[in-house]
Amino acid sequence: RYTELLNLVNEEILQLQEKLRQQGVKHHLAAGIVLTGGAAQIEGLAACAQRVFHTQVRIGAPLNITGLTDYAQEPYYSTAVGLLHYGKESHLNGEAEVEKRVTASVGSWIKRLNSWLRKEF
């Protein structure tokens, strides 16, 4: 049964590899592959992916995120935790970028107003 499951996973990985090749993005995998989620814990999956893709493969787990319980630091939750972390960081960084643009815009408006006032008065 385990061999059957691993063969199915192997087939999925091969199909993914072919899709990446067809789309011309396989070369973007140069840094390696990180497997996440519950399926990443299947024994032999990382070795199988490494044979198929001919690149480094590792099992991902949440890193450098404070406040997680030991349970949430397992690879099973790495996808969800990673997406939440990415969303939080993007949101925070996005607000900072918007704030910078607003500040720059207001500063520019004040300079123009100041220039106009000096000319007129």
PDB file of N, CA and C in Angstrom:
ATOM      1  N   ARG A   1       0.832  -1.200   0.000  1.00  0.00           N
ATOM      2  CA  ARG A   1       0.000   0.000   0.000  1.00  0.00           C
ATOM      3  C   ARG A   1       0.874   1.261   0.000  1.00  0.00           C
ATOM      4  N   TYR A   2       1.926   1.249   0.815  1.00  0.00           N
ATOM      5  CA  TYR A   2       2.839   2.381   0.893  1.00  0.00           C
ATOM      6  C   TYR A   2       3.523   2.609  -0.451  1.00  0.00           C
ATOM      7  N   THR A   3       3.940   1.550  -1.103  1.00  0.00           N
ATOM      8  CA  THR A   3       4.594   1.648  -2.408  1.00  0.00           C
ATOM      9  C   THR A   3       3.630   2.239  -3.433  1.00  0.00           C
ATOM     10  N   GLU A   4       2.382   1.830  -3.368  1.00  0.00           N
ATOM     11  CA  GLU A   4       1.364   2.360  -4.283  1.00  0.00           C
ATOM     12  C   GLU A   4       1.195   3.877  -4.088  1.00  0.00           C
ATOM     13  N   LEU A   5       1.152   4.303  -2.848  1.00  0.00           N
ATOM     14  CA  LEU A   5       1.027   5.730  -2.548  1.00  0.00           C
ATOM     15  C   LEU A   5       2.250   6.491  -3.052  1.00  0.00           C
ATOM     16  N   LEU A   6       3.438   5.959  -2.805  1.00  0.00           N
ATOM     17  CA  LEU A   6       4.662   6.615  -3.244  1.00  0.00           C
ATOM     18  C   LEU A   6       4.728   6.677  -4.761  1.00  0.00           C
ATOM     19  N   ASN A   7       4.247   5.659  -5.449  1.00  0.00           N
ATOM     20  CA  ASN A   7       4.203   5.683  -6.912  1.00  0.00           C
ATOM     21  C   ASN A   7       3.253   6.760  -7.423  1.00  0.00           C
ATOM     22  N   LEU A   8       2.121   6.942  -6.743  1.00  0.00           N
ATOM     23  CA  LEU A   8       1.189   8.014  -7.122  1.00  0.00           C
ATOM     24  C   LEU A   8       1.832   9.380  -6.926  1.00  0.00           C
ATOM     25  N   VAL A   9       2.514   9.556  -5.817  1.00  0.00           N
ATOM     26  CA  VAL A   9       3.196  10.822  -5.551  1.00  0.00           C
ATOM     27  C   VAL A   9       4.289  11.039  -6.585  1.00  0.00           C
ATOM     28  N   ASN A  10       5.023   9.993  -6.892  1.00  0.00           N
ATOM     29  CA  ASN A  10       6.077  10.087  -7.901  1.00  0.00           C
ATOM     30  C   ASN A  10       5.492  10.513  -9.247  1.00  0.00           C
ATOM     31  N   GLU A  11       4.353   9.955  -9.609  1.00  0.00           N
ATOM     32  CA  GLU A  11       3.692  10.314 -10.871  1.00  0.00           C
ATOM     33  C   GLU A  11       3.274  11.783 -10.869  1.00  0.00           C
ATOM     34  N   GLU A  12       2.754  12.269  -9.746  1.00  0.00           N
ATOM     35  CA  GLU A  12       2.372  13.677  -9.631  1.00  0.00           C
ATOM     36  C   GLU A  12       3.591  14.576  -9.785  1.00  0.00           C
ATOM     37  N   ILE A  13       4.686  14.192  -9.167  1.00  0.00           N
ATOM     38  CA  ILE A  13       5.914  14.988  -9.260  1.00  0.00           C
ATOM     39  C   ILE A  13       6.408  15.015 -10.704  1.00  0.00           C
ATOM     40  N   LEU A  14       6.341  13.884 -11.381  1.00  0.00           N
ATOM     41  CA  LEU A  14       6.762  13.842 -12.785  1.00  0.00           C
ATOM     42  C   LEU A  14       5.884  14.748 -13.649  1.00  0.00           C
ATOM     43  N   GLN A  15       4.577  14.734 -13.391  1.00  0.00           N
ATOM     44  CA  GLN A  15       3.670  15.603 -14.141  1.00  0.00           C
ATOM     45  C   GLN A  15       3.969  17.075 -13.854  1.00  0.00           C
ATOM     46  N   LEU A  16       4.251  17.394 -12.608  1.00  0.00           N
ATOM     47  CA  LEU A  16       4.609  18.767 -12.252  1.00  0.00           C
ATOM     48  C   LEU A  16       5.894  19.180 -12.954  1.00  0.00           C
ATOM     49  N   GLN A  17       6.861  18.293 -12.974  1.00  0.00           N
ATOM     50  CA  GLN A  17       8.125  18.580 -13.653  1.00  0.00           C
ATOM     51  C   GLN A  17       7.880  18.874 -15.129  1.00  0.00           C
ATOM     52  N   GLU A  18       7.034  18.112 -15.765  1.00  0.00           N
ATOM     53  CA  GLU A  18       6.738  18.316 -17.187  1.00  0.00           C
ATOM     54  C   GLU A  18       6.031  19.660 -17.409  1.00  0.00           C
ATOM     55  N   LYS A  19       5.098  19.998 -16.539  1.00  0.00           N
ATOM     56  CA  LYS A  19       4.412  21.295 -16.654  1.00  0.00           C
ATOM     57  C   LYS A  19       5.401  22.447 -16.510  1.00  0.00           C
ATOM     58  N   LEU A  20       6.300  22.328 -15.546  1.00  0.00           N
ATOM     59  CA  LEU A  20       7.304  23.376 -15.345  1.00  0.00           C
ATOM     60  C   LEU A  20       8.203  23.488 -16.567  1.00  0.00           C
ATOM     61  N   ARG A  21       8.570  22.354 -17.144  1.00  0.00           N
ATOM     62  CA  ARG A  21       9.413  22.368 -18.335  1.00  0.00           C
ATOM     63  C   ARG A  21       8.676  23.019 -19.498  1.00  0.00           C
ATOM     64  N   GLN A  22       7.413  22.680 -19.689  1.00  0.00           N
ATOM     65  CA  GLN A  22       6.619  23.243 -20.787  1.00  0.00           C
ATOM     66  C   GLN A  22       6.441  24.754 -20.632  1.00  0.00           C
ATOM     67  N   GLN A  23       6.322  25.211 -19.408  1.00  0.00           N
ATOM     68  CA  GLN A  23       6.127  26.638 -19.162  1.00  0.00           C
ATOM     69  C   GLN A  23       7.449  27.400 -19.106  1.00  0.00           C
ATOM     70  N   GLY A  24       8.551  26.673 -19.227  1.00  0.00           N
ATOM     71  CA  GLY A  24       9.855  27.316 -19.249  1.00  0.00           C
ATOM     72  C   GLY A  24      10.288  27.909 -17.921  1.00  0.00           C
ATOM     73  N   VAL A  25       9.791  27.355 -16.836  1.00  0.00           N
ATOM     74  CA  VAL A  25      10.159  27.896 -15.525  1.00  0.00           C
ATOM     75  C   VAL A  25      10.944  26.906 -14.675  1.00  0.00           C
ATOM     76  N   LYS A  26      11.264  25.766 -15.205  1.00  0.00           N
ATOM     77  CA  LYS A  26      11.976  24.762 -14.411  1.00  0.00           C
ATOM     78  C   LYS A  26      13.325  25.289 -13.932  1.00  0.00           C
ATOM     79  N   HIS A  27      13.949  26.151 -14.715  1.00  0.00           N
ATOM     80  CA  HIS A  27      15.246  26.696 -14.317  1.00  0.00           C
ATOM     81  C   HIS A  27      15.155  27.552 -13.054  1.00  0.00           C
ATOM     82  N   HIS A  28      13.949  27.986 -12.675  1.00  0.00           N
ATOM     83  CA  HIS A  28      13.780  28.777 -11.457  1.00  0.00           C
ATOM     84  C   HIS A  28      13.923  27.927 -10.196  1.00  0.00           C
ATOM     85  N   LEU A  29      14.009  26.621 -10.375  1.00  0.00           N
ATOM     86  CA  LEU A  29      14.136  25.726  -9.230  1.00  0.00           C
ATOM     87  C   LEU A  29      15.584  25.531  -8.813  1.00  0.00           C
ATOM     88  N   ALA A  30      16.477  26.350  -9.311  1.00  0.00           N
ATOM     89  CA  ALA A  30      17.905  26.186  -9.044  1.00  0.00           C
ATOM     90  C   ALA A  30      18.223  26.201  -7.554  1.00  0.00           C
ATOM     91  N   ALA A  31      17.467  26.939  -6.778  1.00  0.00           N
ATOM     92  CA  ALA A  31      17.738  27.029  -5.346  1.00  0.00           C
ATOM     93  C   ALA A  31      17.251  25.803  -4.597  1.00  0.00           C
ATOM     94  N   GLY A  32      16.461  24.984  -5.232  1.00  0.00           N
ATOM     95  CA  GLY A  32      15.959  23.779  -4.591  1.00  0.00           C
ATOM     96  C   GLY A  32      14.460  23.823  -4.379  1.00  0.00           C
ATOM     97  N   ILE A  33      13.978  22.769  -3.792  1.00  0.00           N
ATOM     98  CA  ILE A  33      12.542  22.595  -3.567  1.00  0.00           C
ATOM     99  C   ILE A  33      12.323  22.375  -2.077  1.00  0.00           C
ATOM    100  N   VAL A  34      11.281  22.994  -1.559  1.00  0.00           N
ATOM    101  CA  VAL A  34      10.902  22.794  -0.159  1.00  0.00           C
ATOM    102  C   VAL A  34       9.523  22.154  -0.158  1.00  0.00           C
ATOM    103  N   LEU A  35       9.426  20.973   0.419  1.00  0.00           N
ATOM    104  CA  LEU A  35       8.151  20.279   0.534  1.00  0.00           C
ATOM    105  C   LEU A  35       7.505  20.679   1.850  1.00  0.00           C
ATOM    106  N   THR A  36       6.214  20.984   1.800  1.00  0.00           N
ATOM    107  CA  THR A  36       5.507  21.420   2.995  1.00  0.00           C
ATOM    108  C   THR A  36       4.212  20.641   3.144  1.00  0.00           C
ATOM    109  N   GLY A  37       3.602  20.775   4.287  1.00  0.00           N
ATOM    110  CA  GLY A  37       2.316  20.149   4.531  1.00  0.00           C
ATOM    111  C   GLY A  37       2.447  18.720   5.006  1.00  0.00           C
ATOM    112  N   GLY A  38       1.310  18.101   5.205  1.00  0.00           N
ATOM    113  CA  GLY A  38       1.282  16.744   5.734  1.00  0.00           C
ATOM    114  C   GLY A  38       1.939  15.726   4.820  1.00  0.00           C
ATOM    115  N   ALA A  39       1.729  15.865   3.523  1.00  0.00           N
ATOM    116  CA  ALA A  39       2.312  14.902   2.583  1.00  0.00           C
ATOM    117  C   ALA A  39       3.832  14.959   2.574  1.00  0.00           C
ATOM    118  N   ALA A  40       4.402  16.092   2.956  1.00  0.00           N
ATOM    119  CA  ALA A  40       5.859  16.231   2.985  1.00  0.00           C
ATOM    120  C   ALA A  40       6.486  15.277   3.992  1.00  0.00           C
ATOM    121  N   GLN A  41       5.688  14.773   4.915  1.00  0.00           N
ATOM    122  CA  GLN A  41       6.200  13.884   5.944  1.00  0.00           C
ATOM    123  C   GLN A  41       6.225  12.423   5.497  1.00  0.00           C
ATOM    124  N   ILE A  42       5.778  12.166   4.277  1.00  0.00           N
ATOM    125  CA  ILE A  42       5.813  10.793   3.765  1.00  0.00           C
ATOM    126  C   ILE A  42       7.268  10.370   3.602  1.00  0.00           C
ATOM    127  N   GLU A  43       7.596   9.287   4.230  1.00  0.00           N
ATOM    128  CA  GLU A  43       8.973   8.799   4.176  1.00  0.00           C
ATOM    129  C   GLU A  43       9.364   8.504   2.725  1.00  0.00           C
ATOM    130  N   GLY A  44      10.488   9.046   2.312  1.00  0.00           N
ATOM    131  CA  GLY A  44      10.991   8.801   0.965  1.00  0.00           C
ATOM    132  C   GLY A  44      10.556   9.828  -0.068  1.00  0.00           C
ATOM    133  N   LEU A  45       9.640  10.711   0.287  1.00  0.00           N
ATOM    134  CA  LEU A  45       9.144  11.691  -0.684  1.00  0.00           C
ATOM    135  C   LEU A  45      10.235  12.679  -1.096  1.00  0.00           C
ATOM    136  N   ALA A  46      10.998  13.164  -0.149  1.00  0.00           N
ATOM    137  CA  ALA A  46      12.063  14.123  -0.474  1.00  0.00           C
ATOM    138  C   ALA A  46      13.100  13.469  -1.389  1.00  0.00           C
ATOM    139  N   ALA A  47      13.470  12.246  -1.107  1.00  0.00           N
ATOM    140  CA  ALA A  47      14.445  11.538  -1.954  1.00  0.00           C
ATOM    141  C   ALA A  47      13.879  11.308  -3.348  1.00  0.00           C
ATOM    142  N   CYS A  48      12.605  11.000  -3.419  1.00  0.00           N
ATOM    143  CA  CYS A  48      11.945  10.799  -4.712  1.00  0.00           C
ATOM    144  C   CYS A  48      11.958  12.100  -5.515  1.00  0.00           C
ATOM    145  N   ALA A  49      11.601  13.197  -4.888  1.00  0.00           N
ATOM    146  CA  ALA A  49      11.591  14.493  -5.573  1.00  0.00           C
ATOM    147  C   ALA A  49      13.000  14.888  -5.999  1.00  0.00           C
ATOM    148  N   GLN A  50      13.973  14.568  -5.178  1.00  0.00           N
ATOM    149  CA  GLN A  50      15.359  14.903  -5.513  1.00  0.00           C
ATOM    150  C   GLN A  50      15.819  14.120  -6.745  1.00  0.00           C
ATOM    151  N   ARG A  51      15.427  12.854  -6.850  1.00  0.00           N
ATOM    152  CA  ARG A  51      15.776  12.049  -8.026  1.00  0.00           C
ATOM    153  C   ARG A  51      15.100  12.590  -9.283  1.00  0.00           C
ATOM    154  N   VAL A  52      13.848  12.999  -9.148  1.00  0.00           N
ATOM    155  CA  VAL A  52      13.096  13.458 -10.312  1.00  0.00           C
ATOM    156  C   VAL A  52      13.580  14.821 -10.789  1.00  0.00           C
ATOM    157  N   PHE A  53      13.754  15.766  -9.864  1.00  0.00           N
ATOM    158  CA  PHE A  53      14.087  17.134 -10.243  1.00  0.00           C
ATOM    159  C   PHE A  53      15.587  17.407 -10.324  1.00  0.00           C
ATOM    160  N   HIS A  54      16.387  16.486  -9.833  1.00  0.00           N
ATOM    161  CA  HIS A  54      17.844  16.652  -9.858  1.00  0.00           C
ATOM    162  C   HIS A  54      18.272  17.962  -9.200  1.00  0.00           C
ATOM    163  N   THR A  55      17.685  18.257  -8.062  1.00  0.00           N
ATOM    164  CA  THR A  55      18.019  19.453  -7.301  1.00  0.00           C
ATOM    165  C   THR A  55      17.825  19.152  -5.822  1.00  0.00           C
ATOM    166  N   GLN A  56      18.298  20.038  -4.969  1.00  0.00           N
ATOM    167  CA  GLN A  56      18.148  19.830  -3.534  1.00  0.00           C
ATOM    168  C   GLN A  56      16.683  19.894  -3.138  1.00  0.00           C
ATOM    169  N   VAL A  57      16.294  19.013  -2.244  1.00  0.00           N
ATOM    170  CA  VAL A  57      14.926  18.971  -1.731  1.00  0.00           C
ATOM    171  C   VAL A  57      15.017  18.842  -0.214  1.00  0.00           C
ATOM    172  N   ARG A  58      14.191  19.619   0.467  1.00  0.00           N
ATOM    173  CA  ARG A  58      14.148  19.493   1.922  1.00  0.00           C
ATOM    174  C   ARG A  58      12.706  19.612   2.398  1.00  0.00           C
ATOM    175  N   ILE A  59      12.488  19.177   3.623  1.00  0.00           N
ATOM    176  CA  ILE A  59      11.174  19.283   4.247  1.00  0.00           C
ATOM    177  C   ILE A  59      11.123  20.624   4.981  1.00  0.00           C
ATOM    178  N   GLY A  60      10.123  21.423   4.682  1.00  0.00           N
ATOM    179  CA  GLY A  60       9.995  22.739   5.293  1.00  0.00           C
ATOM    180  C   GLY A  60       9.269  22.685   6.615  1.00  0.00           C
ATOM    181  N   ALA A  61       9.674  23.553   7.509  1.00  0.00           N
ATOM    182  CA  ALA A  61       9.000  23.735   8.791  1.00  0.00           C
ATOM    183  C   ALA A  61       9.075  25.226   9.114  1.00  0.00           C
ATOM    184  N   PRO A  62       8.095  25.753   9.822  1.00  0.00           N
ATOM    185  CA  PRO A  62       8.127  27.184  10.166  1.00  0.00           C
ATOM    186  C   PRO A  62       9.396  27.527  10.953  1.00  0.00           C
ATOM    187  N   LEU A  63      10.100  28.554  10.498  1.00  0.00           N
ATOM    188  CA  LEU A  63      11.333  28.987  11.150  1.00  0.00           C
ATOM    189  C   LEU A  63      11.228  30.453  11.552  1.00  0.00           C
ATOM    190  N   ASN A  64      11.876  30.805  12.625  1.00  0.00           N
ATOM    191  CA  ASN A  64      11.980  32.197  13.073  1.00  0.00           C
ATOM    192  C   ASN A  64      10.634  32.897  13.241  1.00  0.00           C
ATOM    193  N   ILE A  65       9.652  32.151  13.689  1.00  0.00           N
ATOM    194  CA  ILE A  65       8.341  32.746  13.964  1.00  0.00           C
ATOM    195  C   ILE A  65       8.061  32.499  15.439  1.00  0.00           C
ATOM    196  N   THR A  66       8.026  33.553  16.207  1.00  0.00           N
ATOM    197  CA  THR A  66       7.843  33.418  17.650  1.00  0.00           C
ATOM    198  C   THR A  66       6.373  33.210  17.991  1.00  0.00           C
ATOM    199  N   GLY A  67       6.153  32.570  19.111  1.00  0.00           N
ATOM    200  CA  GLY A  67       4.801  32.403  19.623  1.00  0.00           C
ATOM    201  C   GLY A  67       4.093  31.146  19.158  1.00  0.00           C
ATOM    202  N   LEU A  68       4.738  30.336  18.339  1.00  0.00           N
ATOM    203  CA  LEU A  68       4.104  29.105  17.880  1.00  0.00           C
ATOM    204  C   LEU A  68       4.269  28.005  18.919  1.00  0.00           C
ATOM    205  N   THR A  69       3.247  27.208  19.064  1.00  0.00           N
ATOM    206  CA  THR A  69       3.385  26.035  19.922  1.00  0.00           C
ATOM    207  C   THR A  69       4.262  25.018  19.206  1.00  0.00           C
ATOM    208  N   ASP A  70       4.775  24.061  19.942  1.00  0.00           N
ATOM    209  CA  ASP A  70       5.598  23.016  19.328  1.00  0.00           C
ATOM    210  C   ASP A  70       4.813  22.306  18.234  1.00  0.00           C
ATOM    211  N   TYR A  71       3.538  22.119  18.477  1.00  0.00           N
ATOM    212  CA  TYR A  71       2.680  21.425  17.523  1.00  0.00           C
ATOM    213  C   TYR A  71       2.599  22.166  16.187  1.00  0.00           C
ATOM    214  N   ALA A  72       2.488  23.488  16.250  1.00  0.00           N
ATOM    215  CA  ALA A  72       2.355  24.303  15.027  1.00  0.00           C
ATOM    216  C   ALA A  72       3.669  24.468  14.285  1.00  0.00           C
ATOM    217  N   GLN A  73       4.772  24.037  14.877  1.00  0.00           N
ATOM    218  CA  GLN A  73       6.067  24.148  14.220  1.00  0.00           C
ATOM    219  C   GLN A  73       6.407  22.916  13.386  1.00  0.00           C
ATOM    220  N   GLU A  74       5.495  21.990  13.311  1.00  0.00           N
ATOM    221  CA  GLU A  74       5.709  20.774  12.525  1.00  0.00           C
ATOM    222  C   GLU A  74       5.518  21.074  11.034  1.00  0.00           C
ATOM    223  N   PRO A  75       6.161  20.284  10.164  1.00  0.00           N
ATOM    224  CA  PRO A  75       6.005  20.483   8.716  1.00  0.00           C
ATOM    225  C   PRO A  75       4.554  20.450   8.249  1.00  0.00           C
ATOM    226  N   TYR A  76       3.715  19.715   8.973  1.00  0.00           N
ATOM    227  CA  TYR A  76       2.301  19.614   8.610  1.00  0.00           C
ATOM    228  C   TYR A  76       1.656  20.989   8.498  1.00  0.00           C
ATOM    229  N   TYR A  77       2.067  21.931   9.355  1.00  0.00           N
ATOM    230  CA  TYR A  77       1.474  23.261   9.390  1.00  0.00           C
ATOM    231  C   TYR A  77       2.310  24.316   8.675  1.00  0.00           C
ATOM    232  N   SER A  78       3.409  23.914   8.074  1.00  0.00           N
ATOM    233  CA  SER A  78       4.325  24.905   7.493  1.00  0.00           C
ATOM    234  C   SER A  78       3.679  25.732   6.390  1.00  0.00           C
ATOM    235  N   THR A  79       2.822  25.147   5.597  1.00  0.00           N
ATOM    236  CA  THR A  79       2.174  25.899   4.526  1.00  0.00           C
ATOM    237  C   THR A  79       1.254  26.977   5.107  1.00  0.00           C
ATOM    238  N   ALA A  80       0.396  26.577   6.034  1.00  0.00           N
ATOM    239  CA  ALA A  80      -0.548  27.529   6.626  1.00  0.00           C
ATOM    240  C   ALA A  80       0.182  28.623   7.401  1.00  0.00           C
ATOM    241  N   VAL A  81       1.163  28.230   8.207  1.00  0.00           N
ATOM    242  CA  VAL A  81       1.911  29.214   8.989  1.00  0.00           C
ATOM    243  C   VAL A  81       2.685  30.146   8.054  1.00  0.00           C
ATOM    244  N   GLY A  82       3.288  29.585   7.017  1.00  0.00           N
ATOM    245  CA  GLY A  82       4.040  30.399   6.062  1.00  0.00           C
ATOM    246  C   GLY A  82       3.157  31.407   5.342  1.00  0.00           C
ATOM    247  N   LEU A  83       1.969  30.969   4.932  1.00  0.00           N
ATOM    248  CA  LEU A  83       1.046  31.885   4.258  1.00  0.00           C
ATOM    249  C   LEU A  83       0.560  32.988   5.195  1.00  0.00           C
ATOM    250  N   LEU A  84       0.277  32.627   6.433  1.00  0.00           N
ATOM    251  CA  LEU A  84      -0.131  33.637   7.410  1.00  0.00           C
ATOM    252  C   LEU A  84       0.992  34.635   7.658  1.00  0.00           C
ATOM    253  N   HIS A  85       2.204  34.132   7.792  1.00  0.00           N
ATOM    254  CA  HIS A  85       3.354  35.004   8.016  1.00  0.00           C
ATOM    255  C   HIS A  85       3.578  35.918   6.813  1.00  0.00           C
ATOM    256  N   TYR A  86       3.498  35.358   5.613  1.00  0.00           N
ATOM    257  CA  TYR A  86       3.671  36.153   4.397  1.00  0.00           C
ATOM    258  C   TYR A  86       2.603  37.246   4.316  1.00  0.00           C
ATOM    259  N   GLY A  87       1.359  36.882   4.601  1.00  0.00           N
ATOM    260  CA  GLY A  87       0.274  37.861   4.574  1.00  0.00           C
ATOM    261  C   GLY A  87       0.483  38.971   5.579  1.00  0.00           C
ATOM    262  N   LYS A  88       0.913  38.602   6.774  1.00  0.00           N
ATOM    263  CA  LYS A  88       1.178  39.604   7.808  1.00  0.00           C
ATOM    264  C   LYS A  88       2.299  40.537   7.378  1.00  0.00           C
ATOM    265  N   GLU A  89       3.396  39.978   6.901  1.00  0.00           N
ATOM    266  CA  GLU A  89       4.533  40.793   6.475  1.00  0.00           C
ATOM    267  C   GLU A  89       4.164  41.667   5.280  1.00  0.00           C
ATOM    268  N   SER A  90       3.433  41.106   4.324  1.00  0.00           N
ATOM    269  CA  SER A  90       3.024  41.883   3.154  1.00  0.00           C
ATOM    270  C   SER A  90       2.110  43.017   3.562  1.00  0.00           C
ATOM    271  N   HIS A  91       1.213  42.719   4.475  1.00  0.00           N
ATOM    272  CA  HIS A  91       0.280  43.742   4.950  1.00  0.00           C
ATOM    273  C   HIS A  91       1.039  44.852   5.655  1.00  0.00           C
ATOM    274  N   LEU A  92       1.942  44.455   6.538  1.00  0.00           N
ATOM    275  CA  LEU A  92       2.713  45.468   7.263  1.00  0.00           C
ATOM    276  C   LEU A  92       3.591  46.266   6.316  1.00  0.00           C
ATOM    277  N   ASN A  93       4.268  45.594   5.415  1.00  0.00           N
ATOM    278  CA  ASN A  93       5.120  46.290   4.448  1.00  0.00           C
ATOM    279  C   ASN A  93       4.289  47.122   3.488  1.00  0.00           C
ATOM    280  N   GLY A  94       3.131  46.612   3.112  1.00  0.00           N
ATOM    281  CA  GLY A  94       2.250  47.356   2.223  1.00  0.00           C
ATOM    282  C   GLY A  94       1.774  48.634   2.864  1.00  0.00           C
ATOM    283  N   GLU A  95       1.430  48.566   4.142  1.00  0.00           N
ATOM    284  CA  GLU A  95       1.012  49.777   4.851  1.00  0.00           C
ATOM    285  C   GLU A  95       2.154  50.773   4.911  1.00  0.00           C
ATOM    286  N   ALA A  96       3.347  50.264   5.135  1.00  0.00           N
ATOM    287  CA  ALA A  96       4.502  51.156   5.206  1.00  0.00           C
ATOM    288  C   ALA A  96       4.723  51.841   3.862  1.00  0.00           C
ATOM    289  N   GLU A  97       4.571  51.096   2.772  1.00  0.00           N
ATOM    290  CA  GLU A  97       4.751  51.682   1.441  1.00  0.00           C
ATOM    291  C   GLU A  97       3.678  52.716   1.152  1.00  0.00           C
ATOM    292  N   VAL A  98       2.441  52.411   1.510  1.00  0.00           N
ATOM    293  CA  VAL A  98       1.356  53.371   1.311  1.00  0.00           C
ATOM    294  C   VAL A  98       1.616  54.614   2.155  1.00  0.00           C
ATOM    295  N   GLU A  99       2.037  54.399   3.393  1.00  0.00           N
ATOM    296  CA  GLU A  99       2.328  55.531   4.279  1.00  0.00           C
ATOM    297  C   GLU A  99       3.445  56.395   3.701  1.00  0.00           C
ATOM    298  N   LYS A 100       4.478  55.781   3.149  1.00  0.00           N
ATOM    299  CA  LYS A 100       5.572  56.542   2.541  1.00  0.00           C
ATOM    300  C   LYS A 100       5.063  57.369   1.369  1.00  0.00           C
ATOM    301  N   ARG A 101       4.214  56.762   0.533  1.00  0.00           N
ATOM    302  CA  ARG A 101       3.682  57.491  -0.624  1.00  0.00           C
ATOM    303  C   ARG A 101       2.805  58.649  -0.178  1.00  0.00           C
ATOM    304  N   VAL A 102       1.980  58.407   0.832  1.00  0.00           N
ATOM    305  CA  VAL A 102       1.106  59.477   1.327  1.00  0.00           C
ATOM    306  C   VAL A 102       1.951  60.594   1.916  1.00  0.00           C
ATOM    307  N   THR A 103       2.946  60.237   2.710  1.00  0.00           N
ATOM    308  CA  THR A 103       3.828  61.246   3.306  1.00  0.00           C
ATOM    309  C   THR A 103       4.538  62.045   2.227  1.00  0.00           C
ATOM    310  N   ALA A 104       5.049  61.353   1.223  1.00  0.00           N
ATOM    311  CA  ALA A 104       5.734  62.042   0.121  1.00  0.00           C
ATOM    312  C   ALA A 104       4.761  62.947  -0.629  1.00  0.00           C
ATOM    313  N   SER A 105       3.556  62.457  -0.843  1.00  0.00           N
ATOM    314  CA  SER A 105       2.546  63.238  -1.553  1.00  0.00           C
ATOM    315  C   SER A 105       2.162  64.480  -0.760  1.00  0.00           C
ATOM    316  N   VAL A 106       1.943  64.317   0.540  1.00  0.00           N
ATOM    317  CA  VAL A 106       1.595  65.458   1.389  1.00  0.00           C
ATOM    318  C   VAL A 106       2.757  66.440   1.438  1.00  0.00           C
ATOM    319  N   GLY A 107       3.988  65.906   1.566  1.00  0.00           N
ATOM    320  CA  GLY A 107       5.169  66.773   1.585  1.00  0.00           C
ATOM    321  C   GLY A 107       5.300  67.554   0.301  1.00  0.00           C
ATOM    322  N   SER A 108       5.043  66.892  -0.821  1.00  0.00           N
ATOM    323  CA  SER A 108       5.103  67.552  -2.118  1.00  0.00           C
ATOM    324  C   SER A 108       4.027  68.635  -2.210  1.00  0.00           C
ATOM    325  N   TRP A 109       2.848  68.349  -1.737  1.00  0.00           N
ATOM    326  CA  TRP A 109       1.748  69.319  -1.765  1.00  0.00           C
ATOM    327  C   TRP A 109       2.078  70.529  -0.901  1.00  0.00           C
ATOM    328  N   ILE A 110       2.658  70.296   0.267  1.00  0.00           N
ATOM    329  CA  ILE A 110       3.030  71.402   1.165  1.00  0.00           C
ATOM    330  C   ILE A 110       4.104  72.266   0.511  1.00  0.00           C
ATOM    331  N   LYS A 111       5.071  71.643  -0.151  1.00  0.00           N
ATOM    332  CA  LYS A 111       6.117  72.416  -0.839  1.00  0.00           C
ATOM    333  C   LYS A 111       5.516  73.271  -1.946  1.00  0.00           C
ATOM    334  N   ARG A 112       4.592  72.701  -2.717  1.00  0.00           N
ATOM    335  CA  ARG A 112       3.952  73.464  -3.787  1.00  0.00           C
ATOM    336  C   ARG A 112       3.136  74.614  -3.208  1.00  0.00           C
ATOM    337  N   LEU A 113       2.414  74.357  -2.119  1.00  0.00           N
ATOM    338  CA  LEU A 113       1.622  75.395  -1.472  1.00  0.00           C
ATOM    339  C   LEU A 113       2.539  76.501  -0.952  1.00  0.00           C
ATOM    340  N   ASN A 114       3.631  76.115  -0.329  1.00  0.00           N
ATOM    341  CA  ASN A 114       4.599  77.076   0.188  1.00  0.00           C
ATOM    342  C   ASN A 114       5.169  77.917  -0.950  1.00  0.00           C
ATOM    343  N   SER A 115       5.507  77.284  -2.039  1.00  0.00           N
ATOM    344  CA  SER A 115       6.040  77.997  -3.198  1.00  0.00           C
ATOM    345  C   SER A 115       5.007  78.980  -3.743  1.00  0.00           C
ATOM    346  N   TRP A 116       3.782  78.558  -3.855  1.00  0.00           N
ATOM    347  CA  TRP A 116       2.707  79.418  -4.364  1.00  0.00           C
ATOM    348  C   TRP A 116       2.488  80.609  -3.429  1.00  0.00           C
ATOM    349  N   LEU A 117       2.468  80.351  -2.110  1.00  0.00           N
ATOM    350  CA  LEU A 117       2.275  81.431  -1.142  1.00  0.00           C
ATOM    351  C   LEU A 117       3.394  82.456  -1.234  1.00  0.00           C
ATOM    352  N   ARG A 118       4.623  81.991  -1.404  1.00  0.00           N
ATOM    353  CA  ARG A 118       5.753  82.922  -1.521  1.00  0.00           C
ATOM    354  C   ARG A 118       5.636  83.778  -2.780  1.00  0.00           C
ATOM    355  N   LYS A 119       5.193  83.168  -3.858  1.00  0.00           N
ATOM    356  CA  LYS A 119       5.049  83.932  -5.101  1.00  0.00           C
ATOM    357  C   LYS A 119       3.915  84.949  -4.994  1.00  0.00           C
ATOM    358  N   GLU A 120       2.821  84.547  -4.415  1.00  0.00           N
ATOM    359  CA  GLU A 120       1.638  85.392  -4.362  1.00  0.00           C
ATOM    360  C   GLU A 120       1.715  86.454  -3.267  1.00  0.00           C
ATOM    361  N   PHE A 121       2.391  86.180  -2.209  1.00  0.00           N
ATOM    362  CA  PHE A 121       2.408  87.122  -1.092  1.00  0.00           C
ATOM    363  C   PHE A 121       3.839  87.508  -0.823  1.00  0.00           C
TER     364      PHE A 121
END
